[in-house]
Amino acid sequence: RLFVAAISSSGGSTYYADSVKGRFTISRDNAKNTVSLQMNSL
């Protein structure tokens, strides 16, 4: 199992694996209790 992306509890910090940097975006909506991963250029 390999790391892809992470986001801090507040959403203020993100971190990506080099293999997905620039193609994937992680985000979260704490009001809706959701975290998303937008994956482009797959």
PDB file of all heavy atoms in Angstrom:
ATOM      1  N   ARG A   1       0.850  -1.181   0.000  1.00  0.00           N
ATOM      2  CA  ARG A   1       0.000   0.000   0.000  1.00  0.00           C
ATOM      3  C   ARG A   1       0.895   1.243   0.000  1.00  0.00           C
ATOM      4  O   ARG A   1       1.769   1.395   0.849  1.00  0.00           O
ATOM      5  CB  ARG A   1      -0.900  -0.020   1.226  1.00  0.00           C
ATOM      6  CG  ARG A   1      -2.030   0.965   1.189  1.00  0.00           C
ATOM      7  CD  ARG A   1      -3.031   0.710   2.295  1.00  0.00           C
ATOM      8  NE  ARG A   1      -3.687  -0.584   2.146  1.00  0.00           N
ATOM      9  CZ  ARG A   1      -4.721  -0.984   2.872  1.00  0.00           C
ATOM     10  NH1 ARG A   1      -5.221  -0.187   3.816  1.00  0.00           N
ATOM     11  NH2 ARG A   1      -5.255  -2.162   2.687  1.00  0.00           N
ATOM     12  N   LEU A   2       0.645   2.138  -0.953  1.00  0.00           N
ATOM     13  CA  LEU A   2       1.495   3.299  -1.151  1.00  0.00           C
ATOM     14  C   LEU A   2       0.753   4.603  -0.876  1.00  0.00           C
ATOM     15  O   LEU A   2      -0.433   4.729  -1.206  1.00  0.00           O
ATOM     16  CB  LEU A   2       2.043   3.322  -2.578  1.00  0.00           C
ATOM     17  CG  LEU A   2       2.932   2.139  -2.988  1.00  0.00           C
ATOM     18  CD1 LEU A   2       3.302   2.276  -4.459  1.00  0.00           C
ATOM     19  CD2 LEU A   2       4.174   2.063  -2.126  1.00  0.00           C
ATOM     20  N   PHE A   3       1.472   5.544  -0.347  1.00  0.00           N
ATOM     21  CA  PHE A   3       0.922   6.867  -0.083  1.00  0.00           C
ATOM     22  C   PHE A   3       0.645   7.604  -1.396  1.00  0.00           C
ATOM     23  O   PHE A   3       1.451   7.551  -2.336  1.00  0.00           O
ATOM     24  CB  PHE A   3       1.913   7.666   0.748  1.00  0.00           C
ATOM     25  CG  PHE A   3       1.574   9.120   0.897  1.00  0.00           C
ATOM     26  CD1 PHE A   3       0.571   9.526   1.762  1.00  0.00           C
ATOM     27  CD2 PHE A   3       2.238  10.076   0.153  1.00  0.00           C
ATOM     28  CE1 PHE A   3       0.250  10.863   1.898  1.00  0.00           C
ATOM     29  CE2 PHE A   3       1.935  11.412   0.276  1.00  0.00           C
ATOM     30  CZ  PHE A   3       0.937  11.818   1.153  1.00  0.00           C
ATOM     31  N   VAL A   4      -0.473   8.337  -1.426  1.00  0.00           N
ATOM     32  CA  VAL A   4      -0.827   9.143  -2.592  1.00  0.00           C
ATOM     33  C   VAL A   4      -0.864  10.625  -2.227  1.00  0.00           C
ATOM     34  O   VAL A   4      -0.191  11.446  -2.848  1.00  0.00           O
ATOM     35  CB  VAL A   4      -2.178   8.704  -3.172  1.00  0.00           C
ATOM     36  CG1 VAL A   4      -2.599   9.624  -4.311  1.00  0.00           C
ATOM     37  CG2 VAL A   4      -2.144   7.251  -3.628  1.00  0.00           C
ATOM     38  N   ALA A   5      -1.683  10.968  -1.226  1.00  0.00           N
ATOM     39  CA  ALA A   5      -1.847  12.373  -0.854  1.00  0.00           C
ATOM     40  C   ALA A   5      -2.401  12.451   0.554  1.00  0.00           C
ATOM     41  O   ALA A   5      -3.024  11.506   1.034  1.00  0.00           O
ATOM     42  CB  ALA A   5      -2.785  13.085  -1.826  1.00  0.00           C
ATOM     43  N   ALA A   6      -2.177  13.601   1.204  1.00  0.00           N
ATOM     44  CA  ALA A   6      -2.703  13.811   2.547  1.00  0.00           C
ATOM     45  C   ALA A   6      -3.071  15.271   2.732  1.00  0.00           C
ATOM     46  O   ALA A   6      -2.524  16.154   2.062  1.00  0.00           O
ATOM     47  CB  ALA A   6      -1.686  13.388   3.603  1.00  0.00           C
ATOM     48  N   ILE A   7      -3.990  15.496   3.656  1.00  0.00           N
ATOM     49  CA  ILE A   7      -4.426  16.855   3.969  1.00  0.00           C
ATOM     50  C   ILE A   7      -4.598  16.960   5.482  1.00  0.00           C
ATOM     51  O   ILE A   7      -5.094  16.027   6.123  1.00  0.00           O
ATOM     52  CB  ILE A   7      -5.722  17.198   3.205  1.00  0.00           C
ATOM     53  CG1 ILE A   7      -6.078  18.668   3.362  1.00  0.00           C
ATOM     54  CG2 ILE A   7      -6.889  16.290   3.624  1.00  0.00           C
ATOM     55  CD1 ILE A   7      -7.137  19.144   2.365  1.00  0.00           C
ATOM     56  N   SER A   8      -4.179  18.085   6.026  1.00  0.00           N
ATOM     57  CA  SER A   8      -4.264  18.262   7.472  1.00  0.00           C
ATOM     58  C   SER A   8      -5.713  18.456   7.909  1.00  0.00           C
ATOM     59  O   SER A   8      -6.596  18.697   7.090  1.00  0.00           O
ATOM     60  CB  SER A   8      -3.418  19.457   7.904  1.00  0.00           C
ATOM     61  OG  SER A   8      -3.895  20.632   7.277  1.00  0.00           O
ATOM     62  N   SER A   9      -5.921  18.360   9.213  1.00  0.00           N
ATOM     63  CA  SER A   9      -7.284  18.419   9.737  1.00  0.00           C
ATOM     64  C   SER A   9      -8.003  19.712   9.375  1.00  0.00           C
ATOM     65  O   SER A   9      -9.211  19.706   9.123  1.00  0.00           O
ATOM     66  CB  SER A   9      -7.265  18.234  11.260  1.00  0.00           C
ATOM     67  OG  SER A   9      -6.456  19.226  11.862  1.00  0.00           O
ATOM     68  N   SER A  10      -7.273  20.797   9.325  1.00  0.00           N
ATOM     69  CA  SER A  10      -7.875  22.097   8.976  1.00  0.00           C
ATOM     70  C   SER A  10      -7.996  22.302   7.480  1.00  0.00           C
ATOM     71  O   SER A  10      -8.700  23.206   7.024  1.00  0.00           O
ATOM     72  CB  SER A  10      -7.036  23.228   9.552  1.00  0.00           C
ATOM     73  OG  SER A  10      -5.773  23.286   8.908  1.00  0.00           O
ATOM     74  N   GLY A  11      -7.279  21.490   6.720  1.00  0.00           N
ATOM     75  CA  GLY A  11      -7.225  21.678   5.275  1.00  0.00           C
ATOM     76  C   GLY A  11      -6.137  22.636   4.838  1.00  0.00           C
ATOM     77  O   GLY A  11      -5.972  22.868   3.640  1.00  0.00           O
ATOM     78  N   GLY A  12      -5.392  23.163   5.782  1.00  0.00           N
ATOM     79  CA  GLY A  12      -4.390  24.166   5.457  1.00  0.00           C
ATOM     80  C   GLY A  12      -3.100  23.622   4.880  1.00  0.00           C
ATOM     81  O   GLY A  12      -2.327  24.372   4.272  1.00  0.00           O
ATOM     82  N   SER A  13      -2.860  22.339   5.052  1.00  0.00           N
ATOM     83  CA  SER A  13      -1.629  21.740   4.525  1.00  0.00           C
ATOM     84  C   SER A  13      -1.962  20.497   3.720  1.00  0.00           C
ATOM     85  O   SER A  13      -2.841  19.714   4.098  1.00  0.00           O
ATOM     86  CB  SER A  13      -0.698  21.349   5.671  1.00  0.00           C
ATOM     87  OG  SER A  13      -0.266  22.473   6.387  1.00  0.00           O
ATOM     88  N   THR A  14      -1.249  20.337   2.619  1.00  0.00           N
ATOM     89  CA  THR A  14      -1.405  19.153   1.787  1.00  0.00           C
ATOM     90  C   THR A  14      -0.027  18.592   1.453  1.00  0.00           C
ATOM     91  O   THR A  14       0.989  19.296   1.534  1.00  0.00           O
ATOM     92  CB  THR A  14      -2.159  19.441   0.484  1.00  0.00           C
ATOM     93  OG1 THR A  14      -1.460  20.465  -0.233  1.00  0.00           O
ATOM     94  CG2 THR A  14      -3.585  19.898   0.753  1.00  0.00           C
ATOM     95  N   TYR A  15      -0.030  17.317   1.089  1.00  0.00           N
ATOM     96  CA  TYR A  15       1.243  16.676   0.736  1.00  0.00           C
ATOM     97  C   TYR A  15       0.947  15.600  -0.290  1.00  0.00           C
ATOM     98  O   TYR A  15      -0.078  14.917  -0.196  1.00  0.00           O
ATOM     99  CB  TYR A  15       1.872  16.059   1.988  1.00  0.00           C
ATOM    100  CG  TYR A  15       3.316  15.690   1.824  1.00  0.00           C
ATOM    101  CD1 TYR A  15       4.311  16.659   1.934  1.00  0.00           C
ATOM    102  CD2 TYR A  15       3.701  14.383   1.572  1.00  0.00           C
ATOM    103  CE1 TYR A  15       5.650  16.326   1.792  1.00  0.00           C
ATOM    104  CE2 TYR A  15       5.026  14.037   1.412  1.00  0.00           C
ATOM    105  CZ  TYR A  15       6.001  15.014   1.534  1.00  0.00           C
ATOM    106  OH  TYR A  15       7.318  14.679   1.377  1.00  0.00           O
ATOM    107  N   TYR A  16       1.833  15.458  -1.278  1.00  0.00           N
ATOM    108  CA  TYR A  16       1.595  14.528  -2.382  1.00  0.00           C
ATOM    109  C   TYR A  16       2.811  13.638  -2.631  1.00  0.00           C
ATOM    110  O   TYR A  16       3.956  14.071  -2.453  1.00  0.00           O
ATOM    111  CB  TYR A  16       1.288  15.299  -3.661  1.00  0.00           C
ATOM    112  CG  TYR A  16       0.034  16.120  -3.607  1.00  0.00           C
ATOM    113  CD1 TYR A  16       0.068  17.447  -3.208  1.00  0.00           C
ATOM    114  CD2 TYR A  16      -1.195  15.566  -3.955  1.00  0.00           C
ATOM    115  CE1 TYR A  16      -1.086  18.214  -3.141  1.00  0.00           C
ATOM    116  CE2 TYR A  16      -2.361  16.320  -3.901  1.00  0.00           C
ATOM    117  CZ  TYR A  16      -2.299  17.635  -3.491  1.00  0.00           C
ATOM    118  OH  TYR A  16      -3.448  18.383  -3.438  1.00  0.00           O
ATOM    119  N   ALA A  17       2.537  12.448  -3.094  1.00  0.00           N
ATOM    120  CA  ALA A  17       3.601  11.609  -3.614  1.00  0.00           C
ATOM    121  C   ALA A  17       4.117  12.224  -4.910  1.00  0.00           C
ATOM    122  O   ALA A  17       3.348  12.827  -5.669  1.00  0.00           O
ATOM    123  CB  ALA A  17       3.076  10.201  -3.868  1.00  0.00           C
ATOM    124  N   ASP A  18       5.391  12.067  -5.167  1.00  0.00           N
ATOM    125  CA  ASP A  18       5.965  12.649  -6.380  1.00  0.00           C
ATOM    126  C   ASP A  18       5.269  12.132  -7.633  1.00  0.00           C
ATOM    127  O   ASP A  18       5.142  12.849  -8.624  1.00  0.00           O
ATOM    128  CB  ASP A  18       7.455  12.319  -6.451  1.00  0.00           C
ATOM    129  CG  ASP A  18       8.279  13.113  -5.451  1.00  0.00           C
ATOM    130  OD1 ASP A  18       7.766  14.125  -4.922  1.00  0.00           O
ATOM    131  OD2 ASP A  18       9.425  12.706  -5.181  1.00  0.00           O
ATOM    132  N   SER A  19       4.814  10.899  -7.588  1.00  0.00           N
ATOM    133  CA  SER A  19       4.212  10.276  -8.775  1.00  0.00           C
ATOM    134  C   SER A  19       2.886  10.904  -9.178  1.00  0.00           C
ATOM    135  O   SER A  19       2.434  10.716 -10.318  1.00  0.00           O
ATOM    136  CB  SER A  19       4.014   8.786  -8.526  1.00  0.00           C
ATOM    137  OG  SER A  19       3.176   8.576  -7.404  1.00  0.00           O
ATOM    138  N   VAL A  20       2.251  11.635  -8.272  1.00  0.00           N
ATOM    139  CA  VAL A  20       0.945  12.219  -8.581  1.00  0.00           C
ATOM    140  C   VAL A  20       0.946  13.740  -8.515  1.00  0.00           C
ATOM    141  O   VAL A  20      -0.055  14.378  -8.866  1.00  0.00           O
ATOM    142  CB  VAL A  20      -0.159  11.670  -7.649  1.00  0.00           C
ATOM    143  CG1 VAL A  20      -0.170  10.149  -7.671  1.00  0.00           C
ATOM    144  CG2 VAL A  20      -0.015  12.201  -6.234  1.00  0.00           C
ATOM    145  N   LYS A  21       2.051  14.310  -8.103  1.00  0.00           N
ATOM    146  CA  LYS A  21       2.128  15.758  -7.941  1.00  0.00           C
ATOM    147  C   LYS A  21       1.855  16.448  -9.270  1.00  0.00           C
ATOM    148  O   LYS A  21       2.392  16.080 -10.315  1.00  0.00           O
ATOM    149  CB  LYS A  21       3.524  16.127  -7.421  1.00  0.00           C
ATOM    150  CG  LYS A  21       3.609  17.446  -6.706  1.00  0.00           C
ATOM    151  CD  LYS A  21       4.972  17.611  -6.050  1.00  0.00           C
ATOM    152  CE  LYS A  21       5.195  16.620  -4.936  1.00  0.00           C
ATOM    153  NZ  LYS A  21       6.496  16.813  -4.254  1.00  0.00           N
ATOM    154  N   GLY A  22       0.982  17.446  -9.231  1.00  0.00           N
ATOM    155  CA  GLY A  22       0.609  18.160 -10.446  1.00  0.00           C
ATOM    156  C   GLY A  22      -0.553  17.529 -11.192  1.00  0.00           C
ATOM    157  O   GLY A  22      -1.124  18.160 -12.092  1.00  0.00           O
ATOM    158  N   ARG A  23      -0.920  16.313 -10.850  1.00  0.00           N
ATOM    159  CA  ARG A  23      -2.046  15.647 -11.506  1.00  0.00           C
ATOM    160  C   ARG A  23      -3.220  15.425 -10.557  1.00  0.00           C
ATOM    161  O   ARG A  23      -4.378  15.457 -10.966  1.00  0.00           O
ATOM    162  CB  ARG A  23      -1.609  14.294 -12.064  1.00  0.00           C
ATOM    163  CG  ARG A  23      -0.502  14.369 -13.101  1.00  0.00           C
ATOM    164  CD  ARG A  23      -0.265  13.007 -13.746  1.00  0.00           C
ATOM    165  NE  ARG A  23       0.184  11.996 -12.790  1.00  0.00           N
ATOM    166  CZ  ARG A  23      -0.446  10.833 -12.600  1.00  0.00           C
ATOM    167  NH1 ARG A  23      -1.530  10.536 -13.293  1.00  0.00           N
ATOM    168  NH2 ARG A  23       0.026   9.952 -11.718  1.00  0.00           N
ATOM    169  N   PHE A  24      -2.932  15.180  -9.301  1.00  0.00           N
ATOM    170  CA  PHE A  24      -3.962  14.899  -8.300  1.00  0.00           C
ATOM    171  C   PHE A  24      -4.081  16.071  -7.336  1.00  0.00           C
ATOM    172  O   PHE A  24      -3.094  16.732  -7.016  1.00  0.00           O
ATOM    173  CB  PHE A  24      -3.620  13.647  -7.498  1.00  0.00           C
ATOM    174  CG  PHE A  24      -3.680  12.347  -8.249  1.00  0.00           C
ATOM    175  CD1 PHE A  24      -3.812  12.297  -9.636  1.00  0.00           C
ATOM    176  CD2 PHE A  24      -3.595  11.145  -7.561  1.00  0.00           C
ATOM    177  CE1 PHE A  24      -3.864  11.085 -10.323  1.00  0.00           C
ATOM    178  CE2 PHE A  24      -3.645   9.925  -8.220  1.00  0.00           C
ATOM    179  CZ  PHE A  24      -3.776   9.904  -9.607  1.00  0.00           C
ATOM    180  N   THR A  25      -5.294  16.299  -6.845  1.00  0.00           N
ATOM    181  CA  THR A  25      -5.537  17.337  -5.850  1.00  0.00           C
ATOM    182  C   THR A  25      -6.418  16.783  -4.741  1.00  0.00           C
ATOM    183  O   THR A  25      -7.504  16.257  -5.019  1.00  0.00           O
ATOM    184  CB  THR A  25      -6.214  18.557  -6.478  1.00  0.00           C
ATOM    185  OG1 THR A  25      -5.409  19.064  -7.544  1.00  0.00           O
ATOM    186  CG2 THR A  25      -6.424  19.656  -5.439  1.00  0.00           C
ATOM    187  N   ILE A  26      -5.950  16.920  -3.519  1.00  0.00           N
ATOM    188  CA  ILE A  26      -6.739  16.491  -2.365  1.00  0.00           C
ATOM    189  C   ILE A  26      -7.401  17.706  -1.745  1.00  0.00           C
ATOM    190  O   ILE A  26      -6.821  18.789  -1.689  1.00  0.00           O
ATOM    191  CB  ILE A  26      -5.850  15.748  -1.329  1.00  0.00           C
ATOM    192  CG1 ILE A  26      -6.716  15.109  -0.242  1.00  0.00           C
ATOM    193  CG2 ILE A  26      -4.789  16.670  -0.744  1.00  0.00           C
ATOM    194  CD1 ILE A  26      -5.915  14.187   0.690  1.00  0.00           C
ATOM    195  N   SER A  27      -8.632  17.525  -1.287  1.00  0.00           N
ATOM    196  CA  SER A  27      -9.364  18.608  -0.638  1.00  0.00           C
ATOM    197  C   SER A  27     -10.310  18.003   0.387  1.00  0.00           C
ATOM    198  O   SER A  27     -10.566  16.796   0.370  1.00  0.00           O
ATOM    199  CB  SER A  27     -10.142  19.444  -1.663  1.00  0.00           C
ATOM    200  OG  SER A  27     -11.078  18.638  -2.349  1.00  0.00           O
ATOM    201  N   ARG A  28     -10.824  18.851   1.261  1.00  0.00           N
ATOM    202  CA  ARG A  28     -11.771  18.365   2.259  1.00  0.00           C
ATOM    203  C   ARG A  28     -12.821  19.409   2.547  1.00  0.00           C
ATOM    204  O   ARG A  28     -12.581  20.610   2.376  1.00  0.00           O
ATOM    205  CB  ARG A  28     -11.053  17.958   3.544  1.00  0.00           C
ATOM    206  CG  ARG A  28     -10.438  19.076   4.330  1.00  0.00           C
ATOM    207  CD  ARG A  28      -9.590  18.537   5.482  1.00  0.00           C
ATOM    208  NE  ARG A  28     -10.377  17.808   6.472  1.00  0.00           N
ATOM    209  CZ  ARG A  28      -9.864  16.951   7.347  1.00  0.00           C
ATOM    210  NH1 ARG A  28      -8.545  16.684   7.325  1.00  0.00           N
ATOM    211  NH2 ARG A  28     -10.632  16.356   8.247  1.00  0.00           N
ATOM    212  N   ASP A  29     -13.971  18.951   2.982  1.00  0.00           N
ATOM    213  CA  ASP A  29     -15.062  19.818   3.398  1.00  0.00           C
ATOM    214  C   ASP A  29     -15.473  19.358   4.791  1.00  0.00           C
ATOM    215  O   ASP A  29     -16.195  18.354   4.930  1.00  0.00           O
ATOM    216  CB  ASP A  29     -16.226  19.717   2.410  1.00  0.00           C
ATOM    217  CG  ASP A  29     -17.344  20.685   2.726  1.00  0.00           C
ATOM    218  OD1 ASP A  29     -17.457  21.128   3.890  1.00  0.00           O
ATOM    219  OD2 ASP A  29     -18.119  20.998   1.808  1.00  0.00           O
ATOM    220  N   ASN A  30     -15.022  20.059   5.810  1.00  0.00           N
ATOM    221  CA  ASN A  30     -15.288  19.608   7.178  1.00  0.00           C
ATOM    222  C   ASN A  30     -16.766  19.763   7.563  1.00  0.00           C
ATOM    223  O   ASN A  30     -17.245  19.078   8.456  1.00  0.00           O
ATOM    224  CB  ASN A  30     -14.403  20.363   8.159  1.00  0.00           C
ATOM    225  CG  ASN A  30     -12.973  19.844   8.152  1.00  0.00           C
ATOM    226  OD1 ASN A  30     -12.686  18.771   7.624  1.00  0.00           O
ATOM    227  ND2 ASN A  30     -12.059  20.606   8.737  1.00  0.00           N
ATOM    228  N   ALA A  31     -17.458  20.646   6.891  1.00  0.00           N
ATOM    229  CA  ALA A  31     -18.889  20.792   7.164  1.00  0.00           C
ATOM    230  C   ALA A  31     -19.680  19.587   6.672  1.00  0.00           C
ATOM    231  O   ALA A  31     -20.739  19.261   7.215  1.00  0.00           O
ATOM    232  CB  ALA A  31     -19.417  22.063   6.507  1.00  0.00           C
ATOM    233  N   LYS A  32     -19.150  18.920   5.646  1.00  0.00           N
ATOM    234  CA  LYS A  32     -19.826  17.754   5.075  1.00  0.00           C
ATOM    235  C   LYS A  32     -19.130  16.441   5.434  1.00  0.00           C
ATOM    236  O   LYS A  32     -19.538  15.380   4.967  1.00  0.00           O
ATOM    237  CB  LYS A  32     -19.906  17.892   3.550  1.00  0.00           C
ATOM    238  CG  LYS A  32     -20.745  19.069   3.091  1.00  0.00           C
ATOM    239  CD  LYS A  32     -20.821  19.127   1.570  1.00  0.00           C
ATOM    240  CE  LYS A  32     -21.707  20.286   1.112  1.00  0.00           C
ATOM    241  NZ  LYS A  32     -21.780  20.377  -0.363  1.00  0.00           N
ATOM    242  N   ASN A  33     -18.071  16.522   6.238  1.00  0.00           N
ATOM    243  CA  ASN A  33     -17.337  15.316   6.642  1.00  0.00           C
ATOM    244  C   ASN A  33     -16.838  14.510   5.441  1.00  0.00           C
ATOM    245  O   ASN A  33     -16.972  13.277   5.396  1.00  0.00           O
ATOM    246  CB  ASN A  33     -18.204  14.414   7.533  1.00  0.00           C
ATOM    247  CG  ASN A  33     -18.329  14.931   8.941  1.00  0.00           C
ATOM    248  OD1 ASN A  33     -17.978  16.074   9.222  1.00  0.00           O
ATOM    249  ND2 ASN A  33     -18.839  14.106   9.838  1.00  0.00           N
ATOM    250  N   THR A  34     -16.287  15.205   4.469  1.00  0.00           N
ATOM    251  CA  THR A  34     -15.808  14.506   3.284  1.00  0.00           C
ATOM    252  C   THR A  34     -14.397  14.956   2.907  1.00  0.00           C
ATOM    253  O   THR A  34     -14.002  16.095   3.155  1.00  0.00           O
ATOM    254  CB  THR A  34     -16.725  14.735   2.073  1.00  0.00           C
ATOM    255  OG1 THR A  34     -16.790  16.126   1.802  1.00  0.00           O
ATOM    256  CG2 THR A  34     -18.122  14.189   2.318  1.00  0.00           C
ATOM    257  N   VAL A  35     -13.668  14.049   2.295  1.00  0.00           N
ATOM    258  CA  VAL A  35     -12.376  14.348   1.685  1.00  0.00           C
ATOM    259  C   VAL A  35     -12.418  13.810   0.270  1.00  0.00           C
ATOM    260  O   VAL A  35     -13.004  12.750   0.020  1.00  0.00           O
ATOM    261  CB  VAL A  35     -11.215  13.743   2.502  1.00  0.00           C
ATOM    262  CG1 VAL A  35     -11.323  12.233   2.613  1.00  0.00           C
ATOM    263  CG2 VAL A  35      -9.875  14.159   1.909  1.00  0.00           C
ATOM    264  N   SER A  36     -11.839  14.556  -0.654  1.00  0.00           N
ATOM    265  CA  SER A  36     -11.906  14.187  -2.070  1.00  0.00           C
ATOM    266  C   SER A  36     -10.508  14.115  -2.659  1.00  0.00           C
ATOM    267  O   SER A  36      -9.568  14.743  -2.158  1.00  0.00           O
ATOM    268  CB  SER A  36     -12.744  15.198  -2.838  1.00  0.00           C
ATOM    269  OG  SER A  36     -14.067  15.221  -2.366  1.00  0.00           O
ATOM    270  N   LEU A  37     -10.419  13.359  -3.737  1.00  0.00           N
ATOM    271  CA  LEU A  37      -9.177  13.269  -4.499  1.00  0.00           C
ATOM    272  C   LEU A  37      -9.537  13.431  -5.966  1.00  0.00           C
ATOM    273  O   LEU A  37     -10.140  12.532  -6.567  1.00  0.00           O
ATOM    274  CB  LEU A  37      -8.475  11.939  -4.263  1.00  0.00           C
ATOM    275  CG  LEU A  37      -7.104  11.799  -4.921  1.00  0.00           C
ATOM    276  CD1 LEU A  37      -6.101  12.735  -4.243  1.00  0.00           C
ATOM    277  CD2 LEU A  37      -6.612  10.355  -4.850  1.00  0.00           C
ATOM    278  N   GLN A  38      -9.206  14.580  -6.514  1.00  0.00           N
ATOM    279  CA  GLN A  38      -9.415  14.840  -7.940  1.00  0.00           C
ATOM    280  C   GLN A  38      -8.195  14.317  -8.687  1.00  0.00           C
ATOM    281  O   GLN A  38      -7.072  14.752  -8.411  1.00  0.00           O
ATOM    282  CB  GLN A  38      -9.592  16.334  -8.199  1.00  0.00           C
ATOM    283  CG  GLN A  38      -9.751  16.690  -9.657  1.00  0.00           C
ATOM    284  CD  GLN A  38     -11.028  16.146 -10.270  1.00  0.00           C
ATOM    285  OE1 GLN A  38     -12.077  16.192  -9.645  1.00  0.00           O
ATOM    286  NE2 GLN A  38     -10.927  15.606 -11.482  1.00  0.00           N
ATOM    287  N   MET A  39      -8.434  13.401  -9.606  1.00  0.00           N
ATOM    288  CA  MET A  39      -7.342  12.763 -10.333  1.00  0.00           C
ATOM    289  C   MET A  39      -7.463  13.092 -11.810  1.00  0.00           C
ATOM    290  O   MET A  39      -8.449  12.712 -12.454  1.00  0.00           O
ATOM    291  CB  MET A  39      -7.378  11.252 -10.120  1.00  0.00           C
ATOM    292  CG  MET A  39      -7.385  10.840  -8.656  1.00  0.00           C
ATOM    293  SD  MET A  39      -7.241   9.064  -8.418  1.00  0.00           S
ATOM    294  CE  MET A  39      -8.750   8.514  -9.206  1.00  0.00           C
ATOM    295  N   ASN A  40      -6.484  13.796 -12.333  1.00  0.00           N
ATOM    296  CA  ASN A  40      -6.456  14.180 -13.747  1.00  0.00           C
ATOM    297  C   ASN A  40      -5.272  13.526 -14.439  1.00  0.00           C
ATOM    298  O   ASN A  40      -4.345  13.046 -13.794  1.00  0.00           O
ATOM    299  CB  ASN A  40      -6.351  15.703 -13.865  1.00  0.00           C
ATOM    300  CG  ASN A  40      -7.533  16.424 -13.252  1.00  0.00           C
ATOM    301  OD1 ASN A  40      -8.656  15.917 -13.251  1.00  0.00           O
ATOM    302  ND2 ASN A  40      -7.288  17.614 -12.728  1.00  0.00           N
ATOM    303  N   SER A  41      -5.322  13.533 -15.752  1.00  0.00           N
ATOM    304  CA  SER A  41      -4.223  12.981 -16.561  1.00  0.00           C
ATOM    305  C   SER A  41      -3.842  11.579 -16.083  1.00  0.00           C
ATOM    306  O   SER A  41      -2.654  11.274 -15.882  1.00  0.00           O
ATOM    307  CB  SER A  41      -3.010  13.906 -16.496  1.00  0.00           C
ATOM    308  OG  SER A  41      -3.339  15.199 -16.964  1.00  0.00           O
ATOM    309  N   LEU A  42      -4.831  10.752 -15.932  1.00  0.00           N
ATOM    310  CA  LEU A  42      -4.599   9.422 -15.371  1.00  0.00           C
ATOM    311  C   LEU A  42      -3.779   8.549 -16.311  1.00  0.00           C
ATOM    312  O   LEU A  42      -3.897   8.646 -17.543  1.00  0.00           O
ATOM    313  CB  LEU A  42      -5.932   8.760 -15.049  1.00  0.00           C
ATOM    314  CG  LEU A  42      -6.579   9.272 -13.760  1.00  0.00           C
ATOM    315  CD1 LEU A  42      -8.055   8.929 -13.706  1.00  0.00           C
ATOM    316  CD2 LEU A  42      -5.871   8.722 -12.536  1.00  0.00           C
TER     317      LEU A  42
END
